């Protein structure tokens, strides 16, 4: 399995429009995620948005490649409050940074699994 850094570096090398399409499709999947895994759709959508924001910030800075670790840190920081709230609402223990990082990697994998539109 590719690392978050590698995945986001690869994403950074694609056109911003293609990434935006993937994020929009992932957000559209939220109701289906909620049916399959009740209660997690909001966290999933928050994470997709954070991934998009991290990538867009890198694109705007002209730093799409070689910044995977920084993008991962931005995503983890952005979703930590939502992840912690989700854990509390589900009666789960407080999430560790490793748990949140693994979750972020999994969400990036779902975004990458969506075929890019012809742009």
PDB file of N, CA and C in Angstrom:
ATOM      1  N   UNK A   1       0.851  -1.176   0.000  1.00  0.00           N
ATOM      2  CA  UNK A   1       0.000   0.000   0.000  1.00  0.00           C
ATOM      3  C   UNK A   1       0.895   1.236   0.000  1.00  0.00           C
ATOM      4  N   UNK A   2       0.568   2.182  -0.838  1.00  0.00           N
ATOM      5  CA  UNK A   2       1.354   3.400  -0.950  1.00  0.00           C
ATOM      6  C   UNK A   2       1.159   4.267   0.292  1.00  0.00           C
ATOM      7  N   UNK A   3       2.168   5.041   0.618  1.00  0.00           N
ATOM      8  CA  UNK A   3       2.060   5.924   1.771  1.00  0.00           C
ATOM      9  C   UNK A   3       1.253   7.158   1.421  1.00  0.00           C
ATOM     10  N   UNK A   4       0.780   7.830   2.442  1.00  0.00           N
ATOM     11  CA  UNK A   4       0.018   9.064   2.253  1.00  0.00           C
ATOM     12  C   UNK A   4       0.844  10.064   1.464  1.00  0.00           C
ATOM     13  N   UNK A   5       2.142  10.160   1.802  1.00  0.00           N
ATOM     14  CA  UNK A   5       3.036  11.099   1.122  1.00  0.00           C
ATOM     15  C   UNK A   5       3.090  10.804  -0.363  1.00  0.00           C
ATOM     16  N   UNK A   6       3.266   9.568  -0.735  1.00  0.00           N
ATOM     17  CA  UNK A   6       3.326   9.187  -2.136  1.00  0.00           C
ATOM     18  C   UNK A   6       2.000   9.452  -2.828  1.00  0.00           C
ATOM     19  N   UNK A   7       0.926   9.111  -2.183  1.00  0.00           N
ATOM     20  CA  UNK A   7      -0.400   9.307  -2.774  1.00  0.00           C
ATOM     21  C   UNK A   7      -0.652  10.786  -3.031  1.00  0.00           C
ATOM     22  N   UNK A   8      -0.382  11.633  -2.041  1.00  0.00           N
ATOM     23  CA  UNK A   8      -0.639  13.051  -2.244  1.00  0.00           C
ATOM     24  C   UNK A   8       0.344  13.663  -3.232  1.00  0.00           C
ATOM     25  N   UNK A   9       1.569  13.164  -3.281  1.00  0.00           N
ATOM     26  CA  UNK A   9       2.504  13.633  -4.310  1.00  0.00           C
ATOM     27  C   UNK A   9       1.958  13.312  -5.689  1.00  0.00           C
ATOM     28  N   UNK A  10       1.429  12.111  -5.860  1.00  0.00           N
ATOM     29  CA  UNK A  10       0.835  11.724  -7.141  1.00  0.00           C
ATOM     30  C   UNK A  10      -0.357  12.602  -7.480  1.00  0.00           C
ATOM     31  N   UNK A  11      -1.193  12.850  -6.497  1.00  0.00           N
ATOM     32  CA  UNK A  11      -2.346  13.719  -6.725  1.00  0.00           C
ATOM     33  C   UNK A  11      -1.876  15.114  -7.126  1.00  0.00           C
ATOM     34  N   UNK A  12      -0.849  15.587  -6.459  1.00  0.00           N
ATOM     35  CA  UNK A  12      -0.335  16.921  -6.748  1.00  0.00           C
ATOM     36  C   UNK A  12       0.162  17.078  -8.162  1.00  0.00           C
ATOM     37  N   UNK A  13       0.534  15.987  -8.800  1.00  0.00           N
ATOM     38  CA  UNK A  13       1.017  16.038 -10.167  1.00  0.00           C
ATOM     39  C   UNK A  13      -0.114  16.047 -11.192  1.00  0.00           C
ATOM     40  N   UNK A  14      -1.344  15.851 -10.750  1.00  0.00           N
ATOM     41  CA  UNK A  14      -2.484  15.897 -11.667  1.00  0.00           C
ATOM     42  C   UNK A  14      -3.027  17.309 -11.717  1.00  0.00           C
ATOM     43  N   UNK A  15      -3.900  17.553 -12.641  1.00  0.00           N
ATOM     44  CA  UNK A  15      -4.515  18.870 -12.745  1.00  0.00           C
ATOM     45  C   UNK A  15      -5.433  19.118 -11.575  1.00  0.00           C
ATOM     46  N   UNK A  16      -5.481  20.383 -11.145  1.00  0.00           N
ATOM     47  CA  UNK A  16      -6.349  20.758 -10.032  1.00  0.00           C
ATOM     48  C   UNK A  16      -7.800  20.399 -10.353  1.00  0.00           C
ATOM     49  N   UNK A  17      -8.212  20.563 -11.576  1.00  0.00           N
ATOM     50  CA  UNK A  17      -9.588  20.272 -11.952  1.00  0.00           C
ATOM     51  C   UNK A  17      -9.908  18.796 -11.762  1.00  0.00           C
ATOM     52  N   UNK A  18      -8.989  17.927 -12.137  1.00  0.00           N
ATOM     53  CA  UNK A  18      -9.226  16.495 -11.976  1.00  0.00           C
ATOM     54  C   UNK A  18      -9.392  16.145 -10.502  1.00  0.00           C
ATOM     55  N   UNK A  19      -8.576  16.745  -9.645  1.00  0.00           N
ATOM     56  CA  UNK A  19      -8.684  16.476  -8.220  1.00  0.00           C
ATOM     57  C   UNK A  19     -10.021  16.987  -7.684  1.00  0.00           C
ATOM     58  N   UNK A  20     -10.403  18.172  -8.145  1.00  0.00           N
ATOM     59  CA  UNK A  20     -11.668  18.737  -7.688  1.00  0.00           C
ATOM     60  C   UNK A  20     -12.832  17.819  -8.036  1.00  0.00           C
ATOM     61  N   UNK A  21     -12.804  17.222  -9.221  1.00  0.00           N
ATOM     62  CA  UNK A  21     -13.852  16.284  -9.619  1.00  0.00           C
ATOM     63  C   UNK A  21     -13.881  15.096  -8.664  1.00  0.00           C
ATOM     64  N   UNK A  22     -12.728  14.550  -8.339  1.00  0.00           N
ATOM     65  CA  UNK A  22     -12.659  13.412  -7.410  1.00  0.00           C
ATOM     66  C   UNK A  22     -13.224  13.750  -6.049  1.00  0.00           C
ATOM     67  N   UNK A  23     -12.900  14.948  -5.556  1.00  0.00           N
ATOM     68  CA  UNK A  23     -13.418  15.374  -4.251  1.00  0.00           C
ATOM     69  C   UNK A  23     -14.934  15.539  -4.318  1.00  0.00           C
ATOM     70  N   UNK A  24     -15.428  16.124  -5.410  1.00  0.00           N
ATOM     71  CA  UNK A  24     -16.873  16.297  -5.551  1.00  0.00           C
ATOM     72  C   UNK A  24     -17.589  14.942  -5.585  1.00  0.00           C
ATOM     73  N   UNK A  25     -17.023  13.980  -6.290  1.00  0.00           N
ATOM     74  CA  UNK A  25     -17.627  12.650  -6.344  1.00  0.00           C
ATOM     75  C   UNK A  25     -17.583  11.999  -4.963  1.00  0.00           C
ATOM     76  N   UNK A  26     -16.461  12.151  -4.263  1.00  0.00           N
ATOM     77  CA  UNK A  26     -16.353  11.579  -2.922  1.00  0.00           C
ATOM     78  C   UNK A  26     -17.388  12.203  -1.988  1.00  0.00           C
ATOM     79  N   UNK A  27     -17.598  13.511  -2.107  1.00  0.00           N
ATOM     80  CA  UNK A  27     -18.616  14.163  -1.278  1.00  0.00           C
ATOM     81  C   UNK A  27     -20.010  13.658  -1.648  1.00  0.00           C
ATOM     82  N   UNK A  28     -20.220  13.429  -2.926  1.00  0.00           N
ATOM     83  CA  UNK A  28     -21.519  12.910  -3.359  1.00  0.00           C
ATOM     84  C   UNK A  28     -21.765  11.510  -2.802  1.00  0.00           C
ATOM     85  N   UNK A  29     -20.689  10.805  -2.492  1.00  0.00           N
ATOM     86  CA  UNK A  29     -20.809   9.452  -1.945  1.00  0.00           C
ATOM     87  C   UNK A  29     -21.213   9.458  -0.475  1.00  0.00           C
ATOM     88  N   UNK A  30     -21.197  10.627   0.164  1.00  0.00           N
ATOM     89  CA  UNK A  30     -21.484  10.706   1.599  1.00  0.00           C
ATOM     90  C   UNK A  30     -22.766  10.008   2.002  1.00  0.00           C
ATOM     91  N   UNK A  31     -23.906  10.200   1.311  1.00  0.00           N
ATOM     92  CA  UNK A  31     -25.125   9.499   1.740  1.00  0.00           C
ATOM     93  C   UNK A  31     -24.984   7.977   1.693  1.00  0.00           C
ATOM     94  N   UNK A  32     -24.242   7.478   0.734  1.00  0.00           N
ATOM     95  CA  UNK A  32     -24.042   6.033   0.626  1.00  0.00           C
ATOM     96  C   UNK A  32     -23.139   5.527   1.742  1.00  0.00           C
ATOM     97  N   UNK A  33     -22.129   6.324   2.087  1.00  0.00           N
ATOM     98  CA  UNK A  33     -21.258   5.983   3.213  1.00  0.00           C
ATOM     99  C   UNK A  33     -22.099   5.942   4.487  1.00  0.00           C
ATOM    100  N   UNK A  34     -23.016   6.903   4.637  1.00  0.00           N
ATOM    101  CA  UNK A  34     -23.839   6.963   5.842  1.00  0.00           C
ATOM    102  C   UNK A  34     -24.767   5.758   5.950  1.00  0.00           C
ATOM    103  N   UNK A  35     -25.259   5.265   4.813  1.00  0.00           N
ATOM    104  CA  UNK A  35     -26.117   4.077   4.834  1.00  0.00           C
ATOM    105  C   UNK A  35     -25.298   2.856   5.254  1.00  0.00           C
ATOM    106  N   UNK A  36     -24.111   2.724   4.672  1.00  0.00           N
ATOM    107  CA  UNK A  36     -23.266   1.567   4.964  1.00  0.00           C
ATOM    108  C   UNK A  36     -22.658   1.633   6.367  1.00  0.00           C
ATOM    109  N   UNK A  37     -22.305   2.832   6.796  1.00  0.00           N
ATOM    110  CA  UNK A  37     -21.654   3.040   8.090  1.00  0.00           C
ATOM    111  C   UNK A  37     -22.319   4.230   8.779  1.00  0.00           C
ATOM    112  N   UNK A  38     -23.489   4.008   9.384  1.00  0.00           N
ATOM    113  CA  UNK A  38     -24.249   5.117   9.962  1.00  0.00           C
ATOM    114  C   UNK A  38     -23.409   5.991  10.891  1.00  0.00           C
ATOM    115  N   UNK A  39     -23.576   7.283  10.709  1.00  0.00           N
ATOM    116  CA  UNK A  39     -22.919   8.240  11.587  1.00  0.00           C
ATOM    117  C   UNK A  39     -21.545   8.690  11.153  1.00  0.00           C
ATOM    118  N   UNK A  40     -20.929   8.021  10.215  1.00  0.00           N
ATOM    119  CA  UNK A  40     -19.561   8.386   9.857  1.00  0.00           C
ATOM    120  C   UNK A  40     -19.485   9.297   8.635  1.00  0.00           C
ATOM    121  N   UNK A  41     -20.593   9.514   7.946  1.00  0.00           N
ATOM    122  CA  UNK A  41     -20.571  10.314   6.716  1.00  0.00           C
ATOM    123  C   UNK A  41     -20.041  11.718   6.947  1.00  0.00           C
ATOM    124  N   UNK A  42     -20.435  12.363   8.022  1.00  0.00           N
ATOM    125  CA  UNK A  42     -19.961  13.727   8.284  1.00  0.00           C
ATOM    126  C   UNK A  42     -18.449  13.739   8.480  1.00  0.00           C
ATOM    127  N   UNK A  43     -17.922  12.758   9.206  1.00  0.00           N
ATOM    128  CA  UNK A  43     -16.471  12.675   9.405  1.00  0.00           C
ATOM    129  C   UNK A  43     -15.771  12.398   8.082  1.00  0.00           C
ATOM    130  N   UNK A  44     -16.334  11.514   7.287  1.00  0.00           N
ATOM    131  CA  UNK A  44     -15.769  11.212   5.970  1.00  0.00           C
ATOM    132  C   UNK A  44     -15.730  12.472   5.109  1.00  0.00           C
ATOM    133  N   UNK A  45     -16.834  13.209   5.065  1.00  0.00           N
ATOM    134  CA  UNK A  45     -16.903  14.413   4.255  1.00  0.00           C
ATOM    135  C   UNK A  45     -15.928  15.474   4.760  1.00  0.00           C
ATOM    136  N   UNK A  46     -15.813  15.609   6.071  1.00  0.00           N
ATOM    137  CA  UNK A  46     -14.851  16.545   6.658  1.00  0.00           C
ATOM    138  C   UNK A  46     -13.434  16.182   6.225  1.00  0.00           C
ATOM    139  N   UNK A  47     -13.149  14.900   6.195  1.00  0.00           N
ATOM    140  CA  UNK A  47     -11.810  14.449   5.822  1.00  0.00           C
ATOM    141  C   UNK A  47     -11.546  14.682   4.339  1.00  0.00           C
ATOM    142  N   UNK A  48     -12.522  14.379   3.498  1.00  0.00           N
ATOM    143  CA  UNK A  48     -12.364  14.638   2.059  1.00  0.00           C
ATOM    144  C   UNK A  48     -12.109  16.127   1.833  1.00  0.00           C
ATOM    145  N   UNK A  49     -12.836  16.966   2.530  1.00  0.00           N
ATOM    146  CA  UNK A  49     -12.638  18.406   2.400  1.00  0.00           C
ATOM    147  C   UNK A  49     -11.238  18.811   2.857  1.00  0.00           C
ATOM    148  N   UNK A  50     -10.774  18.259   3.969  1.00  0.00           N
ATOM    149  CA  UNK A  50      -9.435  18.576   4.471  1.00  0.00           C
ATOM    150  C   UNK A  50      -8.353  18.134   3.494  1.00  0.00           C
ATOM    151  N   UNK A  51      -8.537  16.972   2.882  1.00  0.00           N
ATOM    152  CA  UNK A  51      -7.577  16.490   1.886  1.00  0.00           C
ATOM    153  C   UNK A  51      -7.565  17.441   0.691  1.00  0.00           C
ATOM    154  N   UNK A  52      -8.739  17.827   0.225  1.00  0.00           N
ATOM    155  CA  UNK A  52      -8.827  18.774  -0.882  1.00  0.00           C
ATOM    156  C   UNK A  52      -8.187  20.107  -0.547  1.00  0.00           C
ATOM    157  N   UNK A  53      -8.434  20.594   0.659  1.00  0.00           N
ATOM    158  CA  UNK A  53      -7.844  21.858   1.084  1.00  0.00           C
ATOM    159  C   UNK A  53      -6.321  21.782   1.146  1.00  0.00           C
ATOM    160  N   UNK A  54      -5.801  20.678   1.656  1.00  0.00           N
ATOM    161  CA  UNK A  54      -4.344  20.509   1.736  1.00  0.00           C
ATOM    162  C   UNK A  54      -3.730  20.472   0.349  1.00  0.00           C
ATOM    163  N   UNK A  55      -4.369  19.760  -0.547  1.00  0.00           N
ATOM    164  CA  UNK A  55      -3.858  19.675  -1.916  1.00  0.00           C
ATOM    165  C   UNK A  55      -3.959  21.019  -2.618  1.00  0.00           C
ATOM    166  N   UNK A  56      -5.096  21.693  -2.467  1.00  0.00           N
ATOM    167  CA  UNK A  56      -5.269  22.994  -3.105  1.00  0.00           C
ATOM    168  C   UNK A  56      -4.271  24.019  -2.578  1.00  0.00           C
ATOM    169  N   UNK A  57      -3.967  23.976  -1.288  1.00  0.00           N
ATOM    170  CA  UNK A  57      -2.977  24.885  -0.718  1.00  0.00           C
ATOM    171  C   UNK A  57      -1.595  24.614  -1.320  1.00  0.00           C
ATOM    172  N   UNK A  58      -1.283  23.341  -1.515  1.00  0.00           N
ATOM    173  CA  UNK A  58       0.008  22.990  -2.115  1.00  0.00           C
ATOM    174  C   UNK A  58       0.063  23.443  -3.568  1.00  0.00           C
ATOM    175  N   UNK A  59      -1.046  23.250  -4.287  1.00  0.00           N
ATOM    176  CA  UNK A  59      -1.096  23.686  -5.687  1.00  0.00           C
ATOM    177  C   UNK A  59      -0.912  25.204  -5.760  1.00  0.00           C
ATOM    178  N   UNK A  60      -1.618  25.934  -4.898  1.00  0.00           N
ATOM    179  CA  UNK A  60      -1.518  27.395  -4.894  1.00  0.00           C
ATOM    180  C   UNK A  60      -0.100  27.866  -4.581  1.00  0.00           C
ATOM    181  N   UNK A  61       0.598  27.107  -3.747  1.00  0.00           N
ATOM    182  CA  UNK A  61       1.970  27.456  -3.381  1.00  0.00           C
ATOM    183  C   UNK A  61       2.988  26.927  -4.388  1.00  0.00           C
ATOM    184  N   UNK A  62       2.509  26.187  -5.390  1.00  0.00           N
ATOM    185  CA  UNK A  62       3.426  25.599  -6.364  1.00  0.00           C
ATOM    186  C   UNK A  62       4.264  24.487  -5.767  1.00  0.00           C
ATOM    187  N   UNK A  63       3.732  23.840  -4.744  1.00  0.00           N
ATOM    188  CA  UNK A  63       4.481  22.801  -4.032  1.00  0.00           C
ATOM    189  C   UNK A  63       3.704  21.501  -4.004  1.00  0.00           C
ATOM    190  N   UNK A  64       3.237  21.052  -5.182  1.00  0.00           N
ATOM    191  CA  UNK A  64       2.433  19.844  -5.225  1.00  0.00           C
ATOM    192  C   UNK A  64       3.239  18.602  -4.871  1.00  0.00           C
ATOM    193  N   UNK A  65       4.499  18.564  -5.251  1.00  0.00           N
ATOM    194  CA  UNK A  65       5.301  17.369  -5.009  1.00  0.00           C
ATOM    195  C   UNK A  65       6.265  17.590  -3.855  1.00  0.00           C
ATOM    196  N   UNK A  66       6.590  16.509  -3.193  1.00  0.00           N
ATOM    197  CA  UNK A  66       7.561  16.558  -2.110  1.00  0.00           C
ATOM    198  C   UNK A  66       7.025  17.134  -0.812  1.00  0.00           C
ATOM    199  N   UNK A  67       5.721  17.342  -0.731  1.00  0.00           N
ATOM    200  CA  UNK A  67       5.144  17.949   0.471  1.00  0.00           C
ATOM    201  C   UNK A  67       4.107  17.045   1.127  1.00  0.00           C
ATOM    202  N   UNK A  68       4.176  15.764   0.847  1.00  0.00           N
ATOM    203  CA  UNK A  68       3.198  14.829   1.400  1.00  0.00           C
ATOM    204  C   UNK A  68       3.131  14.846   2.907  1.00  0.00           C
ATOM    205  N   UNK A  69       4.279  14.918   3.564  1.00  0.00           N
ATOM    206  CA  UNK A  69       4.291  14.920   5.028  1.00  0.00           C
ATOM    207  C   UNK A  69       3.596  16.163   5.579  1.00  0.00           C
ATOM    208  N   UNK A  70       3.828  17.305   4.932  1.00  0.00           N
ATOM    209  CA  UNK A  70       3.181  18.534   5.378  1.00  0.00           C
ATOM    210  C   UNK A  70       1.675  18.479   5.124  1.00  0.00           C
ATOM    211  N   UNK A  71       1.278  17.916   3.972  1.00  0.00           N
ATOM    212  CA  UNK A  71      -0.151  17.798   3.673  1.00  0.00           C
ATOM    213  C   UNK A  71      -0.821  16.842   4.657  1.00  0.00           C
ATOM    214  N   UNK A  72      -0.156  15.754   4.967  1.00  0.00           N
ATOM    215  CA  UNK A  72      -0.699  14.810   5.944  1.00  0.00           C
ATOM    216  C   UNK A  72      -0.876  15.486   7.295  1.00  0.00           C
ATOM    217  N   UNK A  73       0.128  16.244   7.719  1.00  0.00           N
ATOM    218  CA  UNK A  73       0.033  16.942   9.003  1.00  0.00           C
ATOM    219  C   UNK A  73      -1.132  17.927   9.005  1.00  0.00           C
ATOM    220  N   UNK A  74      -1.340  18.621   7.891  1.00  0.00           N
ATOM    221  CA  UNK A  74      -2.453  19.568   7.790  1.00  0.00           C
ATOM    222  C   UNK A  74      -3.793  18.846   7.876  1.00  0.00           C
ATOM    223  N   UNK A  75      -3.895  17.709   7.196  1.00  0.00           N
ATOM    224  CA  UNK A  75      -5.146  16.943   7.218  1.00  0.00           C
ATOM    225  C   UNK A  75      -5.417  16.414   8.625  1.00  0.00           C
ATOM    226  N   UNK A  76      -4.416  15.830   9.243  1.00  0.00           N
ATOM    227  CA  UNK A  76      -4.591  15.279  10.594  1.00  0.00           C
ATOM    228  C   UNK A  76      -5.000  16.387  11.566  1.00  0.00           C
ATOM    229  N   UNK A  77      -4.351  17.548  11.478  1.00  0.00           N
ATOM    230  CA  UNK A  77      -4.703  18.665  12.361  1.00  0.00           C
ATOM    231  C   UNK A  77      -6.135  19.129  12.104  1.00  0.00           C
ATOM    232  N   UNK A  78      -6.518  19.171  10.845  1.00  0.00           N
ATOM    233  CA  UNK A  78      -7.859  19.652  10.495  1.00  0.00           C
ATOM    234  C   UNK A  78      -8.962  18.709  10.956  1.00  0.00           C
ATOM    235  N   UNK A  79      -8.706  17.406  10.905  1.00  0.00           N
ATOM    236  CA  UNK A  79      -9.781  16.457  11.226  1.00  0.00           C
ATOM    237  C   UNK A  79      -9.765  15.962  12.666  1.00  0.00           C
ATOM    238  N   UNK A  80      -8.723  16.259  13.407  1.00  0.00           N
ATOM    239  CA  UNK A  80      -8.633  15.751  14.782  1.00  0.00           C
ATOM    240  C   UNK A  80      -9.845  16.129  15.630  1.00  0.00           C
ATOM    241  N   UNK A  81     -10.303  17.392  15.613  1.00  0.00           N
ATOM    242  CA  UNK A  81     -11.489  17.703  16.441  1.00  0.00           C
ATOM    243  C   UNK A  81     -12.735  16.911  16.014  1.00  0.00           C
ATOM    244  N   UNK A  82     -12.958  16.792  14.715  1.00  0.00           N
ATOM    245  CA  UNK A  82     -14.133  16.046  14.233  1.00  0.00           C
ATOM    246  C   UNK A  82     -14.001  14.567  14.567  1.00  0.00           C
ATOM    247  N   UNK A  83     -12.792  14.024  14.447  1.00  0.00           N
ATOM    248  CA  UNK A  83     -12.572  12.614  14.746  1.00  0.00           C
ATOM    249  C   UNK A  83     -12.795  12.362  16.238  1.00  0.00           C
ATOM    250  N   UNK A  84     -12.296  13.263  17.067  1.00  0.00           N
ATOM    251  CA  UNK A  84     -12.481  13.115  18.514  1.00  0.00           C
ATOM    252  C   UNK A  84     -13.967  13.196  18.880  1.00  0.00           C
ATOM    253  N   UNK A  85     -14.682  14.117  18.257  1.00  0.00           N
ATOM    254  CA  UNK A  85     -16.120  14.240  18.524  1.00  0.00           C
ATOM    255  C   UNK A  85     -16.861  12.982  18.080  1.00  0.00           C
ATOM    256  N   UNK A  86     -16.478  12.442  16.934  1.00  0.00           N
ATOM    257  CA  UNK A  86     -17.098  11.210  16.456  1.00  0.00           C
ATOM    258  C   UNK A  86     -16.848  10.077  17.455  1.00  0.00           C
ATOM    259  N   UNK A  87     -15.603   9.967  17.930  1.00  0.00           N
ATOM    260  CA  UNK A  87     -15.271   8.904  18.880  1.00  0.00           C
ATOM    261  C   UNK A  87     -16.127   9.019  20.136  1.00  0.00           C
ATOM    262  N   UNK A  88     -16.267  10.225  20.658  1.00  0.00           N
ATOM    263  CA  UNK A  88     -17.075  10.439  21.856  1.00  0.00           C
ATOM    264  C   UNK A  88     -18.528  10.050  21.584  1.00  0.00           C
ATOM    265  N   UNK A  89     -19.056  10.470  20.419  1.00  0.00           N
ATOM    266  CA  UNK A  89     -20.460  10.180  20.101  1.00  0.00           C
ATOM    267  C   UNK A  89     -20.731   8.694  19.946  1.00  0.00           C
ATOM    268  N   UNK A  90     -19.700   7.934  19.621  1.00  0.00           N
ATOM    269  CA  UNK A  90     -19.855   6.500  19.430  1.00  0.00           C
ATOM    270  C   UNK A  90     -19.389   5.687  20.633  1.00  0.00           C
ATOM    271  N   UNK A  91     -18.975   6.375  21.702  1.00  0.00           N
ATOM    272  CA  UNK A  91     -18.511   5.688  22.899  1.00  0.00           C
ATOM    273  C   UNK A  91     -17.169   5.001  22.708  1.00  0.00           C
ATOM    274  N   UNK A  92     -16.364   5.533  21.799  1.00  0.00           N
ATOM    275  CA  UNK A  92     -15.049   4.959  21.518  1.00  0.00           C
ATOM    276  C   UNK A  92     -13.979   5.679  22.326  1.00  0.00           C
ATOM    277  N   UNK A  93     -12.841   5.032  22.535  1.00  0.00           N
ATOM    278  CA  UNK A  93     -11.752   5.732  23.233  1.00  0.00           C
ATOM    279  C   UNK A  93     -11.223   6.877  22.379  1.00  0.00           C
ATOM    280  N   UNK A  94     -10.569   7.812  23.030  1.00  0.00           N
ATOM    281  CA  UNK A  94      -9.982   8.946  22.315  1.00  0.00           C
ATOM    282  C   UNK A  94      -9.021   8.412  21.246  1.00  0.00           C
ATOM    283  N   UNK A  95      -9.126   8.929  20.031  1.00  0.00           N
ATOM    284  CA  UNK A  95      -8.264   8.425  18.961  1.00  0.00           C
ATOM    285  C   UNK A  95      -6.825   8.893  19.118  1.00  0.00           C
ATOM    286  N   UNK A  96      -5.918   8.045  18.713  1.00  0.00           N
ATOM    287  CA  UNK A  96      -4.503   8.417  18.715  1.00  0.00           C
ATOM    288  C   UNK A  96      -4.168   9.080  17.385  1.00  0.00           C
ATOM    289  N   UNK A  97      -3.027   9.732  17.338  1.00  0.00           N
ATOM    290  CA  UNK A  97      -2.570  10.334  16.078  1.00  0.00           C
ATOM    291  C   UNK A  97      -2.403   9.237  15.030  1.00  0.00           C
ATOM    292  N   UNK A  98      -1.925   8.075  15.439  1.00  0.00           N
ATOM    293  CA  UNK A  98      -1.755   6.966  14.494  1.00  0.00           C
ATOM    294  C   UNK A  98      -3.099   6.531  13.914  1.00  0.00           C
ATOM    295  N   UNK A  99      -4.122   6.473  14.743  1.00  0.00           N
ATOM    296  CA  UNK A  99      -5.455   6.091  14.264  1.00  0.00           C
ATOM    297  C   UNK A  99      -5.981   7.118  13.266  1.00  0.00           C
ATOM    298  N   UNK A 100      -5.828   8.393  13.601  1.00  0.00           N
ATOM    299  CA  UNK A 100      -6.302   9.454  12.708  1.00  0.00           C
ATOM    300  C   UNK A 100      -5.509   9.439  11.402  1.00  0.00           C
ATOM    301  N   UNK A 101      -4.216   9.204  11.492  1.00  0.00           N
ATOM    302  CA  UNK A 101      -3.374   9.125  10.296  1.00  0.00           C
ATOM    303  C   UNK A 101      -3.801   7.961   9.409  1.00  0.00           C
ATOM    304  N   UNK A 102      -4.048   6.812  10.004  1.00  0.00           N
ATOM    305  CA  UNK A 102      -4.508   5.655   9.230  1.00  0.00           C
ATOM    306  C   UNK A 102      -5.840   5.943   8.553  1.00  0.00           C
ATOM    307  N   UNK A 103      -6.727   6.602   9.267  1.00  0.00           N
ATOM    308  CA  UNK A 103      -8.023   6.959   8.694  1.00  0.00           C
ATOM    309  C   UNK A 103      -7.844   7.928   7.518  1.00  0.00           C
ATOM    310  N   UNK A 104      -6.992   8.927   7.685  1.00  0.00           N
ATOM    311  CA  UNK A 104      -6.738   9.883   6.605  1.00  0.00           C
ATOM    312  C   UNK A 104      -6.198   9.165   5.376  1.00  0.00           C
ATOM    313  N   UNK A 105      -5.270   8.242   5.575  1.00  0.00           N
ATOM    314  CA  UNK A 105      -4.736   7.457   4.460  1.00  0.00           C
ATOM    315  C   UNK A 105      -5.842   6.672   3.752  1.00  0.00           C
ATOM    316  N   UNK A 106      -6.748   6.114   4.516  1.00  0.00           N
ATOM    317  CA  UNK A 106      -7.836   5.329   3.928  1.00  0.00           C
ATOM    318  C   UNK A 106      -8.768   6.217   3.105  1.00  0.00           C
ATOM    319  N   UNK A 107      -9.060   7.396   3.598  1.00  0.00           N
ATOM    320  CA  UNK A 107      -9.929   8.306   2.843  1.00  0.00           C
ATOM    321  C   UNK A 107      -9.243   8.746   1.559  1.00  0.00           C
ATOM    322  N   UNK A 108      -7.949   9.047   1.621  1.00  0.00           N
ATOM    323  CA  UNK A 108      -7.212   9.407   0.403  1.00  0.00           C
ATOM    324  C   UNK A 108      -7.284   8.261  -0.596  1.00  0.00           C
ATOM    325  N   UNK A 109      -7.188   7.044  -0.120  1.00  0.00           N
ATOM    326  CA  UNK A 109      -7.277   5.886  -1.016  1.00  0.00           C
ATOM    327  C   UNK A 109      -8.640   5.837  -1.701  1.00  0.00           C
ATOM    328  N   UNK A 110      -9.714   6.206  -0.980  1.00  0.00           N
ATOM    329  CA  UNK A 110     -11.037   6.196  -1.620  1.00  0.00           C
ATOM    330  C   UNK A 110     -11.126   7.275  -2.690  1.00  0.00           C
ATOM    331  N   UNK A 111     -10.559   8.432  -2.418  1.00  0.00           N
ATOM    332  CA  UNK A 111     -10.567   9.512  -3.414  1.00  0.00           C
ATOM    333  C   UNK A 111      -9.768   9.084  -4.642  1.00  0.00           C
ATOM    334  N   UNK A 112      -8.624   8.451  -4.411  1.00  0.00           N
ATOM    335  CA  UNK A 112      -7.789   7.994  -5.537  1.00  0.00           C
ATOM    336  C   UNK A 112      -8.445   6.880  -6.334  1.00  0.00           C
ATOM    337  N   UNK A 113      -9.338   6.148  -5.712  1.00  0.00           N
ATOM    338  CA  UNK A 113      -9.986   5.034  -6.401  1.00  0.00           C
ATOM    339  C   UNK A 113     -11.044   5.503  -7.384  1.00  0.00           C
ATOM    340  N   UNK A 114     -11.474   6.733  -7.255  1.00  0.00           N
ATOM    341  CA  UNK A 114     -12.493   7.283  -8.162  1.00  0.00           C
ATOM    342  C   UNK A 114     -11.806   7.687  -9.455  1.00  0.00           C
ATOM    343  N   UNK A 115     -12.235   7.127 -10.571  1.00  0.00           N
ATOM    344  CA  UNK A 115     -11.593   7.489 -11.834  1.00  0.00           C
ATOM    345  C   UNK A 115     -11.746   8.985 -12.124  1.00  0.00           C
ATOM    346  N   UNK A 116     -10.662   9.584 -12.586  1.00  0.00           N
ATOM    347  CA  UNK A 116     -10.700  10.999 -12.929  1.00  0.00           C
ATOM    348  C   UNK A 116     -11.512  11.197 -14.197  1.00  0.00           C
ATOM    349  N   UNK A 117     -12.230  12.299 -14.234  1.00  0.00           N
ATOM    350  CA  UNK A 117     -12.998  12.630 -15.432  1.00  0.00           C
ATOM    351  C   UNK A 117     -12.044  13.095 -16.515  1.00  0.00           C
ATOM    352  N   UNK A 118     -12.465  13.006 -17.735  1.00  0.00           N
ATOM    353  CA  UNK A 118     -11.651  13.522 -18.834  1.00  0.00           C
ATOM    354  C   UNK A 118     -11.717  15.036 -18.802  1.00  0.00           C
ATOM    355  N   UNK A 119     -10.619  15.617 -18.372  1.00  0.00           N
ATOM    356  CA  UNK A 119     -10.576  17.075 -18.263  1.00  0.00           C
ATOM    357  C   UNK A 119      -9.489  17.631 -19.140  1.00  0.00           C
TER     358      UNK A 119
END
